[in-house]
Amino acid sequence: MLETSDLRDTGAAADAVTTERAAVPELSPTACAARLAELFPAVFTPGSPKPLKLRIQADLQQRSPGVFTRKALSGFLHRHTTSTAYLRALVNAPQRIDLDGLAAGEVATEHREAAIAELQRRRDLHDARRAAEREAQRAAERATQDEARRARLQQDEQRRERQALLRAFEASTLTRRNFCALKGMTETQLDAMLALARQEPPLAEAGPVLDRGRARTPAPSAPSRNFQNRSKGPS
Protein backbone atom coordinates (compact mmCIF):
# COMPACT_ATOMS: atom_id res chain seq x y z
CA MET A 1 0.00 0.00 0.00
CA LEU A 2 1.35 3.42 -1.01
CA GLU A 3 2.19 5.87 1.72
CA THR A 4 1.31 9.54 1.48
CA SER A 5 4.95 10.37 0.68
CA ASP A 6 4.93 7.81 -2.14
CA LEU A 7 1.84 9.37 -3.64
CA ARG A 8 3.47 12.75 -3.31
CA ASP A 9 6.60 11.49 -5.13
CA THR A 10 4.52 9.82 -7.87
CA GLY A 11 2.56 13.02 -8.45
CA ALA A 12 5.75 15.06 -8.59
CA ALA A 13 7.24 12.67 -11.17
CA ALA A 14 4.11 12.90 -13.32
CA ASP A 15 4.21 16.69 -13.11
CA ALA A 16 7.86 16.63 -14.16
CA VAL A 17 7.07 14.47 -17.18
CA THR A 18 4.21 16.79 -18.12
CA THR A 19 6.45 19.83 -17.73
CA GLU A 20 9.19 18.21 -19.81
CA ARG A 21 6.72 17.38 -22.60
CA ALA A 22 5.33 20.87 -22.53
CA ALA A 23 8.85 22.29 -22.87
CA VAL A 24 9.48 20.48 -26.19
CA PRO A 25 8.83 23.01 -28.99
CA GLU A 26 6.28 22.13 -31.66
CA LEU A 27 8.36 22.63 -34.81
CA SER A 28 6.91 23.16 -38.26
CA PRO A 29 7.95 20.66 -40.96
CA THR A 30 10.39 23.23 -42.38
CA ALA A 31 11.95 23.95 -38.99
CA CYS A 32 12.03 20.23 -38.24
CA ALA A 33 13.91 19.58 -41.49
CA ALA A 34 16.50 22.23 -40.67
CA ARG A 35 17.05 20.82 -37.17
CA LEU A 36 17.37 17.26 -38.46
CA ALA A 37 19.92 18.41 -41.04
CA GLU A 38 21.99 19.85 -38.18
CA LEU A 39 21.75 16.74 -36.01
CA PHE A 40 21.97 14.03 -38.69
CA PRO A 41 23.60 15.50 -41.82
CA ALA A 42 24.53 12.05 -43.14
CA VAL A 43 20.92 11.25 -43.96
CA PHE A 44 19.01 14.54 -43.96
CA THR A 45 21.15 16.55 -46.37
CA PRO A 46 18.99 19.28 -47.93
CA GLY A 47 18.35 18.65 -51.62
CA SER A 48 19.73 15.12 -51.52
CA PRO A 49 17.16 12.77 -50.00
CA LYS A 50 18.12 9.18 -49.26
CA PRO A 51 15.91 6.14 -48.60
CA LEU A 52 15.44 6.05 -44.84
CA LYS A 53 15.73 3.06 -42.60
CA LEU A 54 12.35 1.56 -41.81
CA ARG A 55 10.83 2.79 -38.53
CA ILE A 56 13.49 5.49 -38.27
CA GLN A 57 11.18 7.69 -36.21
CA ALA A 58 11.87 5.55 -33.14
CA ASP A 59 15.61 6.07 -33.65
CA LEU A 60 15.10 9.80 -33.98
CA GLN A 61 13.15 10.06 -30.75
CA GLN A 62 15.71 7.91 -28.95
CA ARG A 63 18.75 9.86 -30.14
CA SER A 64 17.27 13.34 -29.87
CA PRO A 65 15.15 13.38 -26.71
CA GLY A 66 13.38 16.61 -25.93
CA VAL A 67 14.03 18.04 -29.40
CA PHE A 68 11.04 16.87 -31.44
CA THR A 69 7.50 16.02 -30.56
CA ARG A 70 5.96 12.90 -32.04
CA LYS A 71 3.57 15.09 -34.02
CA ALA A 72 6.38 17.19 -35.50
CA LEU A 73 8.40 14.14 -36.56
CA SER A 74 5.37 12.42 -38.04
CA GLY A 75 4.44 15.51 -40.06
CA PHE A 76 7.97 15.98 -41.35
CA LEU A 77 8.54 12.34 -42.23
CA HIS A 78 5.25 12.12 -44.09
CA ARG A 79 6.08 15.15 -46.20
CA HIS A 80 9.68 14.03 -46.69
CA THR A 81 8.97 10.44 -47.74
CA THR A 82 6.14 11.37 -50.10
CA SER A 83 8.13 14.03 -51.99
CA THR A 84 8.97 13.38 -55.62
CA ALA A 85 12.70 13.66 -54.92
CA TYR A 86 12.50 11.01 -52.18
CA LEU A 87 10.50 8.66 -54.39
CA ARG A 88 13.15 8.96 -57.09
CA ALA A 89 15.83 8.14 -54.55
CA LEU A 90 13.80 5.13 -53.46
CA VAL A 91 13.70 3.92 -57.06
CA ASN A 92 17.40 4.41 -57.77
CA ALA A 93 19.17 3.61 -54.49
CA PRO A 94 19.79 -0.05 -53.59
CA GLN A 95 20.05 0.46 -49.79
CA ARG A 96 18.19 2.25 -47.05
CA ILE A 97 20.25 4.50 -44.77
CA ASP A 98 20.25 4.92 -40.98
CA LEU A 99 20.92 8.11 -39.02
CA ASP A 100 24.69 7.68 -39.36
CA GLY A 101 24.55 7.24 -43.13
CA LEU A 102 25.19 3.50 -42.95
CA ALA A 103 23.35 0.86 -44.95
CA ALA A 104 20.27 -0.38 -43.11
CA GLY A 105 18.81 -2.98 -45.45
CA GLU A 106 17.91 -3.20 -49.10
CA VAL A 107 14.98 -1.31 -50.59
CA ALA A 108 12.23 -3.89 -50.95
CA THR A 109 10.99 -4.64 -54.44
CA GLU A 110 7.39 -3.79 -53.52
CA HIS A 111 8.50 -0.42 -52.12
CA ARG A 112 10.47 0.38 -55.28
CA GLU A 113 7.56 -0.66 -57.51
CA ALA A 114 5.14 1.43 -55.47
CA ALA A 115 7.45 4.43 -55.86
CA ILE A 116 7.66 3.86 -59.64
CA ALA A 117 3.88 3.67 -59.90
CA GLU A 118 3.42 6.84 -57.85
CA LEU A 119 5.97 8.74 -59.96
CA GLN A 120 4.18 7.65 -63.12
CA ARG A 121 0.84 8.73 -61.67
CA ARG A 122 2.28 12.16 -60.89
CA ARG A 123 3.74 12.48 -64.38
CA ASP A 124 0.39 11.58 -65.90
CA LEU A 125 -1.37 14.15 -63.73
CA HIS A 126 1.21 16.77 -64.65
CA ASP A 127 0.88 16.01 -68.37
CA ALA A 128 -2.92 16.06 -68.16
CA ARG A 129 -2.86 19.37 -66.31
CA ARG A 130 -0.48 20.90 -68.86
CA ALA A 131 -2.63 19.61 -71.73
CA ALA A 132 -5.74 21.08 -70.10
CA GLU A 133 -3.97 24.40 -69.62
CA ARG A 134 -2.87 24.48 -73.26
CA GLU A 135 -6.38 23.62 -74.45
CA ALA A 136 -7.86 26.31 -72.19
CA GLN A 137 -5.38 28.82 -73.60
CA ARG A 138 -6.25 27.84 -77.17
CA ALA A 139 -9.96 28.10 -76.37
CA ALA A 140 -9.44 31.56 -74.88
CA GLU A 141 -7.48 32.64 -77.96
CA ARG A 142 -10.23 31.31 -80.24
CA ALA A 143 -12.86 33.11 -78.20
CA THR A 144 -10.88 36.36 -78.41
CA GLN A 145 -10.45 35.96 -82.17
CA ASP A 146 -14.15 35.18 -82.62
CA GLU A 147 -15.12 38.19 -80.57
CA ALA A 148 -12.81 40.43 -82.61
CA ARG A 149 -14.21 38.97 -85.83
CA ARG A 150 -17.78 39.59 -84.70
CA ALA A 151 -16.87 43.14 -83.73
CA ARG A 152 -15.33 43.76 -87.16
CA LEU A 153 -18.37 42.31 -88.90
CA GLN A 154 -20.67 44.46 -86.81
CA GLN A 155 -18.61 47.57 -87.59
CA ASP A 156 -18.60 46.74 -91.30
CA GLU A 157 -22.36 46.24 -91.26
CA GLN A 158 -22.85 49.59 -89.55
CA ARG A 159 -20.61 51.25 -92.16
CA ARG A 160 -22.63 49.67 -94.96
CA GLU A 161 -25.82 50.96 -93.38
CA ARG A 162 -24.39 54.48 -93.11
CA GLN A 163 -23.11 54.43 -96.68
CA ALA A 164 -26.47 53.11 -97.93
CA LEU A 165 -28.17 55.88 -95.99
CA LEU A 166 -25.88 58.46 -97.60
CA ARG A 167 -26.61 57.15 -101.10
CA ALA A 168 -30.33 57.09 -100.40
CA PHE A 169 -30.28 60.62 -99.02
CA GLU A 170 -28.31 62.03 -101.95
CA ALA A 171 -30.63 60.32 -104.45
CA SER A 172 -33.84 61.24 -102.64
CA THR A 173 -36.12 64.13 -103.65
CA LEU A 174 -37.75 64.23 -100.20
CA THR A 175 -37.25 67.03 -97.77
CA ARG A 176 -34.98 66.37 -94.79
CA ARG A 177 -38.00 66.16 -92.50
CA ASN A 178 -39.82 63.68 -94.70
CA PHE A 179 -36.65 61.68 -95.28
CA CYS A 180 -36.10 61.43 -91.53
CA ALA A 181 -39.72 60.42 -91.04
CA LEU A 182 -39.28 57.74 -93.67
CA LYS A 183 -36.14 56.39 -91.97
CA GLY A 184 -37.52 56.74 -88.45
CA MET A 185 -34.78 59.03 -87.10
CA THR A 186 -34.30 62.60 -86.00
CA GLU A 187 -32.50 65.18 -88.09
CA THR A 188 -29.68 65.22 -85.52
CA GLN A 189 -29.23 61.48 -85.91
CA LEU A 190 -29.33 61.83 -89.69
CA ASP A 191 -26.69 64.56 -89.72
CA ALA A 192 -24.39 62.51 -87.46
CA MET A 193 -24.67 59.39 -89.60
CA LEU A 194 -24.22 61.30 -92.87
CA ALA A 195 -21.16 63.12 -91.54
CA LEU A 196 -19.61 59.84 -90.43
CA ALA A 197 -20.44 58.16 -93.74
CA ARG A 198 -18.75 60.98 -95.69
CA GLN A 199 -15.57 60.60 -93.57
CA GLU A 200 -15.33 56.81 -93.92
CA PRO A 201 -13.71 55.19 -96.94
CA PRO A 202 -16.23 53.08 -98.82
CA LEU A 203 -16.17 49.39 -98.12
CA ALA A 204 -14.90 47.29 -101.01
CA GLU A 205 -17.60 45.09 -102.36
CA ALA A 206 -16.57 41.44 -102.36
CA GLY A 207 -16.18 40.17 -105.90
CA PRO A 208 -16.80 36.64 -107.08
CA VAL A 209 -14.38 34.10 -105.71
CA LEU A 210 -12.62 32.22 -108.46
CA ASP A 211 -12.27 28.50 -108.20
CA ARG A 212 -8.56 27.85 -108.05
CA GLY A 213 -8.97 24.66 -110.00
CA ARG A 214 -10.84 26.45 -112.74
CA ALA A 215 -8.52 29.44 -112.72
CA ARG A 216 -5.54 27.39 -113.77
CA THR A 217 -4.29 27.77 -117.30
CA PRO A 218 -5.54 24.79 -119.29
CA ALA A 219 -2.90 22.51 -120.73
CA PRO A 220 -2.46 22.85 -124.53
CA SER A 221 -4.40 20.24 -126.42
CA ALA A 222 -2.72 17.93 -128.91
CA PRO A 223 -3.06 19.00 -132.53
CA SER A 224 -5.82 17.29 -134.40
CA ARG A 225 -5.11 14.51 -136.85
CA ASN A 226 -6.40 16.60 -139.74
CA PHE A 227 -3.94 19.37 -138.89
CA GLN A 228 -1.12 16.88 -138.80
CA ASN A 229 -2.11 15.52 -142.18
CA ARG A 230 -2.25 19.00 -143.71
CA SER A 231 1.14 19.93 -142.30
CA LYS A 232 2.90 16.95 -143.83
CA GLY A 233 2.26 17.91 -147.47
CA PRO A 234 2.47 15.47 -150.38
CA SER A 235 4.54 12.41 -149.75
C-alpha atoms as a PDB file:
ATOM      1  CA  MET A   1       0.000   0.000   0.000  1.00  0.00           C
ATOM      2  CA  LEU A   2       1.353   3.420  -1.008  1.00  0.00           C
ATOM      3  CA  GLU A   3       2.190   5.872   1.720  1.00  0.00           C
ATOM      4  CA  THR A   4       1.313   9.535   1.480  1.00  0.00           C
ATOM      5  CA  SER A   5       4.953  10.371   0.676  1.00  0.00           C
ATOM      6  CA  ASP A   6       4.934   7.809  -2.138  1.00  0.00           C
ATOM      7  CA  LEU A   7       1.841   9.371  -3.637  1.00  0.00           C
ATOM      8  CA  ARG A   8       3.466  12.749  -3.309  1.00  0.00           C
ATOM      9  CA  ASP A   9       6.596  11.489  -5.128  1.00  0.00           C
ATOM     10  CA  THR A  10       4.522   9.820  -7.869  1.00  0.00           C
ATOM     11  CA  GLY A  11       2.556  13.022  -8.447  1.00  0.00           C
ATOM     12  CA  ALA A  12       5.752  15.056  -8.590  1.00  0.00           C
ATOM     13  CA  ALA A  13       7.241  12.671 -11.166  1.00  0.00           C
ATOM     14  CA  ALA A  14       4.112  12.905 -13.322  1.00  0.00           C
ATOM     15  CA  ASP A  15       4.209  16.687 -13.107  1.00  0.00           C
ATOM     16  CA  ALA A  16       7.861  16.629 -14.157  1.00  0.00           C
ATOM     17  CA  VAL A  17       7.067  14.470 -17.184  1.00  0.00           C
ATOM     18  CA  THR A  18       4.213  16.787 -18.121  1.00  0.00           C
ATOM     19  CA  THR A  19       6.454  19.832 -17.728  1.00  0.00           C
ATOM     20  CA  GLU A  20       9.189  18.208 -19.812  1.00  0.00           C
ATOM     21  CA  ARG A  21       6.721  17.376 -22.597  1.00  0.00           C
ATOM     22  CA  ALA A  22       5.334  20.873 -22.526  1.00  0.00           C
ATOM     23  CA  ALA A  23       8.851  22.289 -22.873  1.00  0.00           C
ATOM     24  CA  VAL A  24       9.484  20.482 -26.194  1.00  0.00           C
ATOM     25  CA  PRO A  25       8.828  23.007 -28.991  1.00  0.00           C
ATOM     26  CA  GLU A  26       6.284  22.127 -31.665  1.00  0.00           C
ATOM     27  CA  LEU A  27       8.358  22.633 -34.814  1.00  0.00           C
ATOM     28  CA  SER A  28       6.915  23.157 -38.256  1.00  0.00           C
ATOM     29  CA  PRO A  29       7.955  20.662 -40.961  1.00  0.00           C
ATOM     30  CA  THR A  30      10.390  23.232 -42.375  1.00  0.00           C
ATOM     31  CA  ALA A  31      11.950  23.949 -38.994  1.00  0.00           C
ATOM     32  CA  CYS A  32      12.025  20.228 -38.239  1.00  0.00           C
ATOM     33  CA  ALA A  33      13.908  19.577 -41.491  1.00  0.00           C
ATOM     34  CA  ALA A  34      16.501  22.232 -40.675  1.00  0.00           C
ATOM     35  CA  ARG A  35      17.051  20.821 -37.166  1.00  0.00           C
ATOM     36  CA  LEU A  36      17.373  17.264 -38.458  1.00  0.00           C
ATOM     37  CA  ALA A  37      19.924  18.408 -41.036  1.00  0.00           C
ATOM     38  CA  GLU A  38      21.986  19.850 -38.182  1.00  0.00           C
ATOM     39  CA  LEU A  39      21.754  16.743 -36.014  1.00  0.00           C
ATOM     40  CA  PHE A  40      21.970  14.032 -38.689  1.00  0.00           C
ATOM     41  CA  PRO A  41      23.603  15.503 -41.817  1.00  0.00           C
ATOM     42  CA  ALA A  42      24.532  12.048 -43.139  1.00  0.00           C
ATOM     43  CA  VAL A  43      20.924  11.246 -43.962  1.00  0.00           C
ATOM     44  CA  PHE A  44      19.015  14.542 -43.956  1.00  0.00           C
ATOM     45  CA  THR A  45      21.154  16.554 -46.373  1.00  0.00           C
ATOM     46  CA  PRO A  46      18.994  19.280 -47.926  1.00  0.00           C
ATOM     47  CA  GLY A  47      18.347  18.654 -51.618  1.00  0.00           C
ATOM     48  CA  SER A  48      19.731  15.116 -51.520  1.00  0.00           C
ATOM     49  CA  PRO A  49      17.161  12.770 -50.002  1.00  0.00           C
ATOM     50  CA  LYS A  50      18.124   9.183 -49.260  1.00  0.00           C
ATOM     51  CA  PRO A  51      15.910   6.140 -48.599  1.00  0.00           C
ATOM     52  CA  LEU A  52      15.436   6.048 -44.845  1.00  0.00           C
ATOM     53  CA  LYS A  53      15.730   3.060 -42.595  1.00  0.00           C
ATOM     54  CA  LEU A  54      12.346   1.555 -41.814  1.00  0.00           C
ATOM     55  CA  ARG A  55      10.826   2.788 -38.531  1.00  0.00           C
ATOM     56  CA  ILE A  56      13.486   5.486 -38.270  1.00  0.00           C
ATOM     57  CA  GLN A  57      11.179   7.691 -36.210  1.00  0.00           C
ATOM     58  CA  ALA A  58      11.867   5.553 -33.136  1.00  0.00           C
ATOM     59  CA  ASP A  59      15.610   6.073 -33.651  1.00  0.00           C
ATOM     60  CA  LEU A  60      15.103   9.798 -33.979  1.00  0.00           C
ATOM     61  CA  GLN A  61      13.146  10.055 -30.745  1.00  0.00           C
ATOM     62  CA  GLN A  62      15.715   7.911 -28.951  1.00  0.00           C
ATOM     63  CA  ARG A  63      18.754   9.864 -30.139  1.00  0.00           C
ATOM     64  CA  SER A  64      17.265  13.344 -29.870  1.00  0.00           C
ATOM     65  CA  PRO A  65      15.149  13.375 -26.714  1.00  0.00           C
ATOM     66  CA  GLY A  66      13.378  16.608 -25.931  1.00  0.00           C
ATOM     67  CA  VAL A  67      14.028  18.043 -29.401  1.00  0.00           C
ATOM     68  CA  PHE A  68      11.042  16.875 -31.438  1.00  0.00           C
ATOM     69  CA  THR A  69       7.502  16.015 -30.560  1.00  0.00           C
ATOM     70  CA  ARG A  70       5.960  12.897 -32.044  1.00  0.00           C
ATOM     71  CA  LYS A  71       3.568  15.086 -34.022  1.00  0.00           C
ATOM     72  CA  ALA A  72       6.381  17.195 -35.499  1.00  0.00           C
ATOM     73  CA  LEU A  73       8.396  14.143 -36.560  1.00  0.00           C
ATOM     74  CA  SER A  74       5.369  12.422 -38.040  1.00  0.00           C
ATOM     75  CA  GLY A  75       4.443  15.515 -40.061  1.00  0.00           C
ATOM     76  CA  PHE A  76       7.971  15.984 -41.350  1.00  0.00           C
ATOM     77  CA  LEU A  77       8.543  12.339 -42.235  1.00  0.00           C
ATOM     78  CA  HIS A  78       5.246  12.122 -44.093  1.00  0.00           C
ATOM     79  CA  ARG A  79       6.078  15.154 -46.197  1.00  0.00           C
ATOM     80  CA  HIS A  80       9.681  14.028 -46.693  1.00  0.00           C
ATOM     81  CA  THR A  81       8.969  10.443 -47.736  1.00  0.00           C
ATOM     82  CA  THR A  82       6.144  11.371 -50.100  1.00  0.00           C
ATOM     83  CA  SER A  83       8.128  14.030 -51.987  1.00  0.00           C
ATOM     84  CA  THR A  84       8.968  13.375 -55.617  1.00  0.00           C
ATOM     85  CA  ALA A  85      12.701  13.664 -54.920  1.00  0.00           C
ATOM     86  CA  TYR A  86      12.502  11.007 -52.185  1.00  0.00           C
ATOM     87  CA  LEU A  87      10.497   8.660 -54.395  1.00  0.00           C
ATOM     88  CA  ARG A  88      13.148   8.964 -57.091  1.00  0.00           C
ATOM     89  CA  ALA A  89      15.827   8.136 -54.546  1.00  0.00           C
ATOM     90  CA  LEU A  90      13.799   5.135 -53.462  1.00  0.00           C
ATOM     91  CA  VAL A  91      13.698   3.918 -57.064  1.00  0.00           C
ATOM     92  CA  ASN A  92      17.400   4.406 -57.772  1.00  0.00           C
ATOM     93  CA  ALA A  93      19.170   3.613 -54.493  1.00  0.00           C
ATOM     94  CA  PRO A  94      19.789  -0.046 -53.593  1.00  0.00           C
ATOM     95  CA  GLN A  95      20.049   0.460 -49.795  1.00  0.00           C
ATOM     96  CA  ARG A  96      18.190   2.252 -47.048  1.00  0.00           C
ATOM     97  CA  ILE A  97      20.251   4.497 -44.767  1.00  0.00           C
ATOM     98  CA  ASP A  98      20.248   4.922 -40.977  1.00  0.00           C
ATOM     99  CA  LEU A  99      20.920   8.112 -39.025  1.00  0.00           C
ATOM    100  CA  ASP A 100      24.690   7.676 -39.361  1.00  0.00           C
ATOM    101  CA  GLY A 101      24.545   7.240 -43.132  1.00  0.00           C
ATOM    102  CA  LEU A 102      25.189   3.497 -42.946  1.00  0.00           C
ATOM    103  CA  ALA A 103      23.349   0.861 -44.950  1.00  0.00           C
ATOM    104  CA  ALA A 104      20.266  -0.375 -43.109  1.00  0.00           C
ATOM    105  CA  GLY A 105      18.808  -2.985 -45.454  1.00  0.00           C
ATOM    106  CA  GLU A 106      17.913  -3.203 -49.104  1.00  0.00           C
ATOM    107  CA  VAL A 107      14.983  -1.311 -50.592  1.00  0.00           C
ATOM    108  CA  ALA A 108      12.232  -3.895 -50.949  1.00  0.00           C
ATOM    109  CA  THR A 109      10.989  -4.643 -54.435  1.00  0.00           C
ATOM    110  CA  GLU A 110       7.394  -3.793 -53.518  1.00  0.00           C
ATOM    111  CA  HIS A 111       8.497  -0.420 -52.117  1.00  0.00           C
ATOM    112  CA  ARG A 112      10.466   0.380 -55.277  1.00  0.00           C
ATOM    113  CA  GLU A 113       7.562  -0.663 -57.512  1.00  0.00           C
ATOM    114  CA  ALA A 114       5.140   1.431 -55.472  1.00  0.00           C
ATOM    115  CA  ALA A 115       7.453   4.426 -55.864  1.00  0.00           C
ATOM    116  CA  ILE A 116       7.665   3.858 -59.638  1.00  0.00           C
ATOM    117  CA  ALA A 117       3.876   3.666 -59.899  1.00  0.00           C
ATOM    118  CA  GLU A 118       3.422   6.843 -57.853  1.00  0.00           C
ATOM    119  CA  LEU A 119       5.967   8.745 -59.956  1.00  0.00           C
ATOM    120  CA  GLN A 120       4.178   7.646 -63.118  1.00  0.00           C
ATOM    121  CA  ARG A 121       0.839   8.734 -61.670  1.00  0.00           C
ATOM    122  CA  ARG A 122       2.279  12.156 -60.885  1.00  0.00           C
ATOM    123  CA  ARG A 123       3.741  12.481 -64.384  1.00  0.00           C
ATOM    124  CA  ASP A 124       0.386  11.576 -65.895  1.00  0.00           C
ATOM    125  CA  LEU A 125      -1.368  14.151 -63.728  1.00  0.00           C
ATOM    126  CA  HIS A 126       1.213  16.773 -64.653  1.00  0.00           C
ATOM    127  CA  ASP A 127       0.877  16.014 -68.373  1.00  0.00           C
ATOM    128  CA  ALA A 128      -2.916  16.056 -68.160  1.00  0.00           C
ATOM    129  CA  ARG A 129      -2.859  19.372 -66.308  1.00  0.00           C
ATOM    130  CA  ARG A 130      -0.483  20.904 -68.864  1.00  0.00           C
ATOM    131  CA  ALA A 131      -2.633  19.612 -71.732  1.00  0.00           C
ATOM    132  CA  ALA A 132      -5.740  21.079 -70.102  1.00  0.00           C
ATOM    133  CA  GLU A 133      -3.974  24.404 -69.617  1.00  0.00           C
ATOM    134  CA  ARG A 134      -2.869  24.484 -73.260  1.00  0.00           C
ATOM    135  CA  GLU A 135      -6.378  23.620 -74.446  1.00  0.00           C
ATOM    136  CA  ALA A 136      -7.861  26.307 -72.193  1.00  0.00           C
ATOM    137  CA  GLN A 137      -5.380  28.825 -73.601  1.00  0.00           C
ATOM    138  CA  ARG A 138      -6.246  27.843 -77.170  1.00  0.00           C
ATOM    139  CA  ALA A 139      -9.959  28.103 -76.375  1.00  0.00           C
ATOM    140  CA  ALA A 140      -9.436  31.556 -74.879  1.00  0.00           C
ATOM    141  CA  GLU A 141      -7.483  32.636 -77.960  1.00  0.00           C
ATOM    142  CA  ARG A 142     -10.225  31.307 -80.241  1.00  0.00           C
ATOM    143  CA  ALA A 143     -12.861  33.113 -78.198  1.00  0.00           C
ATOM    144  CA  THR A 144     -10.876  36.355 -78.411  1.00  0.00           C
ATOM    145  CA  GLN A 145     -10.451  35.964 -82.166  1.00  0.00           C
ATOM    146  CA  ASP A 146     -14.147  35.177 -82.617  1.00  0.00           C
ATOM    147  CA  GLU A 147     -15.121  38.194 -80.567  1.00  0.00           C
ATOM    148  CA  ALA A 148     -12.808  40.430 -82.606  1.00  0.00           C
ATOM    149  CA  ARG A 149     -14.211  38.968 -85.829  1.00  0.00           C
ATOM    150  CA  ARG A 150     -17.783  39.595 -84.697  1.00  0.00           C
ATOM    151  CA  ALA A 151     -16.870  43.143 -83.732  1.00  0.00           C
ATOM    152  CA  ARG A 152     -15.327  43.763 -87.164  1.00  0.00           C
ATOM    153  CA  LEU A 153     -18.371  42.308 -88.900  1.00  0.00           C
ATOM    154  CA  GLN A 154     -20.669  44.461 -86.815  1.00  0.00           C
ATOM    155  CA  GLN A 155     -18.608  47.571 -87.591  1.00  0.00           C
ATOM    156  CA  ASP A 156     -18.597  46.742 -91.302  1.00  0.00           C
ATOM    157  CA  GLU A 157     -22.355  46.237 -91.264  1.00  0.00           C
ATOM    158  CA  GLN A 158     -22.846  49.588 -89.550  1.00  0.00           C
ATOM    159  CA  ARG A 159     -20.611  51.251 -92.164  1.00  0.00           C
ATOM    160  CA  ARG A 160     -22.633  49.670 -94.964  1.00  0.00           C
ATOM    161  CA  GLU A 161     -25.820  50.956 -93.380  1.00  0.00           C
ATOM    162  CA  ARG A 162     -24.391  54.480 -93.113  1.00  0.00           C
ATOM    163  CA  GLN A 163     -23.113  54.425 -96.682  1.00  0.00           C
ATOM    164  CA  ALA A 164     -26.469  53.109 -97.929  1.00  0.00           C
ATOM    165  CA  LEU A 165     -28.172  55.885 -95.986  1.00  0.00           C
ATOM    166  CA  LEU A 166     -25.880  58.458 -97.596  1.00  0.00           C
ATOM    167  CA  ARG A 167     -26.609  57.153-101.096  1.00  0.00           C
ATOM    168  CA  ALA A 168     -30.331  57.087-100.404  1.00  0.00           C
ATOM    169  CA  PHE A 169     -30.279  60.623 -99.024  1.00  0.00           C
ATOM    170  CA  GLU A 170     -28.312  62.026-101.954  1.00  0.00           C
ATOM    171  CA  ALA A 171     -30.628  60.321-104.451  1.00  0.00           C
ATOM    172  CA  SER A 172     -33.839  61.245-102.636  1.00  0.00           C
ATOM    173  CA  THR A 173     -36.120  64.128-103.652  1.00  0.00           C
ATOM    174  CA  LEU A 174     -37.748  64.229-100.198  1.00  0.00           C
ATOM    175  CA  THR A 175     -37.247  67.035 -97.768  1.00  0.00           C
ATOM    176  CA  ARG A 176     -34.980  66.374 -94.789  1.00  0.00           C
ATOM    177  CA  ARG A 177     -38.004  66.159 -92.501  1.00  0.00           C
ATOM    178  CA  ASN A 178     -39.819  63.684 -94.703  1.00  0.00           C
ATOM    179  CA  PHE A 179     -36.650  61.678 -95.280  1.00  0.00           C
ATOM    180  CA  CYS A 180     -36.100  61.433 -91.528  1.00  0.00           C
ATOM    181  CA  ALA A 181     -39.717  60.422 -91.035  1.00  0.00           C
ATOM    182  CA  LEU A 182     -39.278  57.735 -93.673  1.00  0.00           C
ATOM    183  CA  LYS A 183     -36.141  56.386 -91.972  1.00  0.00           C
ATOM    184  CA  GLY A 184     -37.517  56.739 -88.448  1.00  0.00           C
ATOM    185  CA  MET A 185     -34.783  59.026 -87.101  1.00  0.00           C
ATOM    186  CA  THR A 186     -34.305  62.600 -86.000  1.00  0.00           C
ATOM    187  CA  GLU A 187     -32.501  65.182 -88.095  1.00  0.00           C
ATOM    188  CA  THR A 188     -29.684  65.217 -85.517  1.00  0.00           C
ATOM    189  CA  GLN A 189     -29.229  61.481 -85.908  1.00  0.00           C
ATOM    190  CA  LEU A 190     -29.332  61.833 -89.694  1.00  0.00           C
ATOM    191  CA  ASP A 191     -26.687  64.563 -89.718  1.00  0.00           C
ATOM    192  CA  ALA A 192     -24.388  62.514 -87.455  1.00  0.00           C
ATOM    193  CA  MET A 193     -24.667  59.388 -89.596  1.00  0.00           C
ATOM    194  CA  LEU A 194     -24.224  61.295 -92.869  1.00  0.00           C
ATOM    195  CA  ALA A 195     -21.155  63.123 -91.544  1.00  0.00           C
ATOM    196  CA  LEU A 196     -19.611  59.842 -90.434  1.00  0.00           C
ATOM    197  CA  ALA A 197     -20.443  58.162 -93.738  1.00  0.00           C
ATOM    198  CA  ARG A 198     -18.747  60.977 -95.690  1.00  0.00           C
ATOM    199  CA  GLN A 199     -15.574  60.598 -93.566  1.00  0.00           C
ATOM    200  CA  GLU A 200     -15.334  56.809 -93.920  1.00  0.00           C
ATOM    201  CA  PRO A 201     -13.706  55.191 -96.938  1.00  0.00           C
ATOM    202  CA  PRO A 202     -16.232  53.077 -98.817  1.00  0.00           C
ATOM    203  CA  LEU A 203     -16.173  49.391 -98.120  1.00  0.00           C
ATOM    204  CA  ALA A 204     -14.897  47.292-101.006  1.00  0.00           C
ATOM    205  CA  GLU A 205     -17.601  45.089-102.357  1.00  0.00           C
ATOM    206  CA  ALA A 206     -16.565  41.436-102.356  1.00  0.00           C
ATOM    207  CA  GLY A 207     -16.176  40.171-105.897  1.00  0.00           C
ATOM    208  CA  PRO A 208     -16.797  36.638-107.080  1.00  0.00           C
ATOM    209  CA  VAL A 209     -14.379  34.105-105.714  1.00  0.00           C
ATOM    210  CA  LEU A 210     -12.619  32.217-108.461  1.00  0.00           C
ATOM    211  CA  ASP A 211     -12.269  28.499-108.204  1.00  0.00           C
ATOM    212  CA  ARG A 212      -8.562  27.848-108.047  1.00  0.00           C
ATOM    213  CA  GLY A 213      -8.966  24.656-109.998  1.00  0.00           C
ATOM    214  CA  ARG A 214     -10.843  26.454-112.739  1.00  0.00           C
ATOM    215  CA  ALA A 215      -8.516  29.443-112.722  1.00  0.00           C
ATOM    216  CA  ARG A 216      -5.539  27.391-113.773  1.00  0.00           C
ATOM    217  CA  THR A 217      -4.295  27.770-117.302  1.00  0.00           C
ATOM    218  CA  PRO A 218      -5.544  24.793-119.291  1.00  0.00           C
ATOM    219  CA  ALA A 219      -2.903  22.512-120.730  1.00  0.00           C
ATOM    220  CA  PRO A 220      -2.465  22.847-124.531  1.00  0.00           C
ATOM    221  CA  SER A 221      -4.404  20.239-126.424  1.00  0.00           C
ATOM    222  CA  ALA A 222      -2.722  17.935-128.906  1.00  0.00           C
ATOM    223  CA  PRO A 223      -3.057  19.003-132.535  1.00  0.00           C
ATOM    224  CA  SER A 224      -5.818  17.293-134.403  1.00  0.00           C
ATOM    225  CA  ARG A 225      -5.111  14.508-136.854  1.00  0.00           C
ATOM    226  CA  ASN A 226      -6.403  16.599-139.738  1.00  0.00           C
ATOM    227  CA  PHE A 227      -3.942  19.370-138.893  1.00  0.00           C
ATOM    228  CA  GLN A 228      -1.117  16.882-138.798  1.00  0.00           C
ATOM    229  CA  ASN A 229      -2.108  15.515-142.183  1.00  0.00           C
ATOM    230  CA  ARG A 230      -2.248  19.000-143.708  1.00  0.00           C
ATOM    231  CA  SER A 231       1.140  19.935-142.302  1.00  0.00           C
ATOM    232  CA  LYS A 232       2.899  16.946-143.834  1.00  0.00           C
ATOM    233  CA  GLY A 233       2.260  17.912-147.470  1.00  0.00           C
ATOM    234  CA  PRO A 234       2.465  15.470-150.384  1.00  0.00           C
ATOM    235  CA  SER A 235       4.542  12.409-149.746  1.00  0.00           C
END
